[in-house]
């Protein structure tokens, strides 16, 4: 996944400090991933959250 900038993430966690750690973990997980299809996204362990609907 190509992430252009962390600016929006930083702005969000400035308002919601508890979000910083999970967003940094997400960023670290996805910054070097090359998914071929939506199933690969769903199967990424670090992205499995019960509330997400794909």
N, C-alpha and C. Protein backbone atom coordinates (compact mmCIF):
# COMPACT_ATOMS: atom_id res chain seq x y z
N UNK A 1 0.85 -1.16 0.00
CA UNK A 1 0.00 0.00 0.00
C UNK A 1 0.90 1.23 0.00
N UNK A 2 0.56 2.17 -0.79
CA UNK A 2 1.33 3.41 -0.83
C UNK A 2 0.66 4.45 0.05
N UNK A 3 1.37 4.86 1.07
CA UNK A 3 0.88 5.90 1.97
C UNK A 3 1.64 7.17 1.65
N UNK A 4 0.93 8.16 1.24
CA UNK A 4 1.55 9.39 0.77
C UNK A 4 2.04 10.24 1.93
N UNK A 5 1.26 10.32 2.98
CA UNK A 5 1.63 11.19 4.09
C UNK A 5 0.97 10.73 5.38
N UNK A 6 1.67 10.94 6.51
CA UNK A 6 1.09 10.62 7.82
C UNK A 6 0.43 11.85 8.44
N UNK A 7 0.36 12.94 7.71
CA UNK A 7 -0.19 14.19 8.24
C UNK A 7 -1.60 14.02 8.78
N UNK A 8 -2.46 13.37 8.03
CA UNK A 8 -3.85 13.18 8.47
C UNK A 8 -3.91 12.28 9.70
N UNK A 9 -3.06 11.26 9.74
CA UNK A 9 -3.02 10.39 10.92
C UNK A 9 -2.58 11.18 12.16
N UNK A 10 -1.54 11.98 12.00
CA UNK A 10 -1.05 12.79 13.13
C UNK A 10 -2.12 13.78 13.61
N UNK A 11 -2.81 14.39 12.69
CA UNK A 11 -3.87 15.33 13.06
C UNK A 11 -4.98 14.61 13.83
N UNK A 12 -5.30 13.40 13.41
CA UNK A 12 -6.34 12.64 14.10
C UNK A 12 -5.91 12.27 15.51
N UNK A 13 -4.69 11.75 15.66
CA UNK A 13 -4.29 11.35 17.01
C UNK A 13 -3.94 12.54 17.90
N UNK A 14 -3.76 13.71 17.34
CA UNK A 14 -3.61 14.91 18.17
C UNK A 14 -4.92 15.19 18.90
N UNK A 15 -6.04 14.91 18.23
CA UNK A 15 -7.36 15.08 18.84
C UNK A 15 -7.76 13.87 19.68
N UNK A 16 -7.24 12.70 19.30
CA UNK A 16 -7.60 11.44 19.95
C UNK A 16 -6.32 10.69 20.31
N UNK A 17 -5.66 11.07 21.40
CA UNK A 17 -4.35 10.50 21.75
C UNK A 17 -4.31 8.98 21.86
N UNK A 18 -5.39 8.36 22.25
CA UNK A 18 -5.40 6.89 22.36
C UNK A 18 -5.28 6.21 21.00
N UNK A 19 -5.50 6.95 19.93
CA UNK A 19 -5.42 6.38 18.59
C UNK A 19 -4.00 6.32 18.05
N UNK A 20 -3.07 7.01 18.68
CA UNK A 20 -1.71 7.08 18.12
C UNK A 20 -1.05 5.71 18.00
N UNK A 21 -1.06 4.93 19.06
CA UNK A 21 -0.40 3.62 19.02
C UNK A 21 -1.02 2.69 17.97
N UNK A 22 -2.36 2.53 17.95
CA UNK A 22 -2.93 1.66 16.91
C UNK A 22 -2.69 2.17 15.48
N UNK A 23 -2.73 3.48 15.29
CA UNK A 23 -2.49 4.00 13.94
C UNK A 23 -1.04 3.80 13.51
N UNK A 24 -0.11 3.96 14.43
CA UNK A 24 1.29 3.70 14.09
C UNK A 24 1.51 2.23 13.78
N UNK A 25 0.85 1.34 14.52
CA UNK A 25 0.95 -0.10 14.24
C UNK A 25 0.38 -0.41 12.86
N UNK A 26 -0.78 0.19 12.55
CA UNK A 26 -1.39 0.00 11.23
C UNK A 26 -0.45 0.48 10.14
N UNK A 27 0.10 1.66 10.33
CA UNK A 27 0.99 2.24 9.32
C UNK A 27 2.20 1.34 9.09
N UNK A 28 2.80 0.87 10.17
CA UNK A 28 3.97 -0.01 10.05
C UNK A 28 3.62 -1.29 9.30
N UNK A 29 2.42 -1.81 9.54
CA UNK A 29 1.98 -3.04 8.88
C UNK A 29 1.75 -2.84 7.39
N UNK A 30 1.08 -1.77 7.02
CA UNK A 30 0.65 -1.64 5.62
C UNK A 30 1.60 -0.89 4.71
N UNK A 31 2.61 -0.22 5.25
CA UNK A 31 3.43 0.62 4.39
C UNK A 31 4.24 -0.16 3.34
N UNK A 32 4.52 -1.43 3.58
CA UNK A 32 5.32 -2.21 2.63
C UNK A 32 4.56 -3.37 2.01
N UNK A 33 3.25 -3.42 2.20
CA UNK A 33 2.44 -4.53 1.72
C UNK A 33 1.99 -4.29 0.28
N UNK A 34 2.00 -5.34 -0.48
CA UNK A 34 1.48 -5.29 -1.86
C UNK A 34 0.35 -6.32 -1.96
N UNK A 35 -0.86 -5.89 -1.68
CA UNK A 35 -2.00 -6.79 -1.77
C UNK A 35 -2.45 -6.94 -3.21
N UNK A 36 -2.83 -8.16 -3.57
CA UNK A 36 -3.29 -8.43 -4.93
C UNK A 36 -4.81 -8.36 -5.04
N UNK A 37 -5.50 -8.56 -3.90
CA UNK A 37 -6.96 -8.58 -3.94
C UNK A 37 -7.51 -8.31 -2.54
N UNK A 38 -8.81 -8.04 -2.43
CA UNK A 38 -9.40 -7.73 -1.12
C UNK A 38 -9.27 -8.86 -0.09
N UNK A 39 -9.24 -10.12 -0.55
CA UNK A 39 -9.07 -11.22 0.40
C UNK A 39 -7.74 -11.16 1.11
N UNK A 40 -6.71 -10.73 0.43
CA UNK A 40 -5.41 -10.59 1.08
C UNK A 40 -5.44 -9.51 2.15
N UNK A 41 -6.20 -8.45 1.91
CA UNK A 41 -6.36 -7.40 2.92
C UNK A 41 -7.07 -7.99 4.13
N UNK A 42 -8.15 -8.70 3.90
CA UNK A 42 -8.93 -9.30 4.99
C UNK A 42 -8.09 -10.27 5.82
N UNK A 43 -7.17 -10.96 5.19
CA UNK A 43 -6.38 -11.98 5.87
C UNK A 43 -5.14 -11.42 6.57
N UNK A 44 -4.91 -10.14 6.46
CA UNK A 44 -3.77 -9.54 7.14
C UNK A 44 -4.08 -9.50 8.63
N UNK A 45 -3.31 -10.23 9.40
CA UNK A 45 -3.58 -10.41 10.83
C UNK A 45 -3.69 -9.09 11.59
N UNK A 46 -2.80 -8.16 11.35
CA UNK A 46 -2.78 -6.90 12.10
C UNK A 46 -3.99 -6.03 11.80
N UNK A 47 -4.71 -6.33 10.74
CA UNK A 47 -5.85 -5.51 10.37
C UNK A 47 -7.18 -6.11 10.80
N UNK A 48 -7.15 -7.24 11.46
CA UNK A 48 -8.41 -7.89 11.85
C UNK A 48 -8.98 -7.21 13.09
N UNK A 49 -10.06 -6.52 12.85
CA UNK A 49 -10.80 -5.84 13.91
C UNK A 49 -12.26 -6.19 13.71
N UNK A 50 -12.93 -6.61 14.77
CA UNK A 50 -14.31 -7.07 14.64
C UNK A 50 -15.26 -6.05 14.05
N UNK A 51 -14.97 -4.78 14.23
CA UNK A 51 -15.90 -3.76 13.78
C UNK A 51 -15.75 -3.40 12.30
N UNK A 52 -14.71 -3.83 11.66
CA UNK A 52 -14.52 -3.49 10.26
C UNK A 52 -15.40 -4.37 9.39
N UNK A 53 -16.00 -3.78 8.41
CA UNK A 53 -16.80 -4.53 7.45
C UNK A 53 -16.22 -4.26 6.07
N UNK A 54 -15.88 -5.33 5.38
CA UNK A 54 -15.29 -5.16 4.04
C UNK A 54 -16.29 -5.56 3.00
